[in-house]
């Protein structure tokens, strides 16, 4: 995977290769407070849905699945990188899993690692295997301002800039596309999610790490 990739012009569906070595997930540069905040929200979002079974697509360093299992949830992990030792070795675009197998499918910071042209297939597969809900997170390039007002106590505020110039995303060896870059505005990503059969129940960005945008999805037919 070489060169620059515009998210809407790349319709490649070729074989993917692991983009990072497994050692990245435990490196000092990767482990930082913002990332751990994102992990906390990933775990919280799953727990709030009170599922009995979860499919985690993209195992990463295994922290999320570890914590969910500690909470008594039956977690199955899926990743096409067998060196990460997932329960199922497969791609998000072609999961060897029966329909409606899991209460929740969690897919955090994964879809940006495949060309945008493959995302509809991935969303359709996620919809097929989830029985109730899906949880996603994706990188978001829209600038945001964070602040606190001491007189209001511990409350935190995140305001997205209303006017800014979208830039073209350039493939950096890992991310093929990003929300709120040229060709990938948020409303278009939401439309793709809904076209796959989901209702977008909520989308938001955590104060501690606004580079990640979360999506809570429900099946339209449930």
Foldseek 3Di string as FASTA:
>chain_A
DDWWFFQVVDQDPDDDDDLDDLVLLVDPVNDDPLVVVVLVVLLVVVVVVVWQEEEEEDCRQVPSVVVVVVVVHHYFYEDCPCVSPGNHRDDLLDDPAAFQATQEYEYEAHPQQDRNSSVLSSLLSRNGRHNWKYKYKFFADFDWDKDDDVVVPPDIDIGTDPDDDAAGGTDPSGGNDGERHVPHDPVVVQVSNVVSQWDFPDWDADRSHNRMIMTMITGPVD
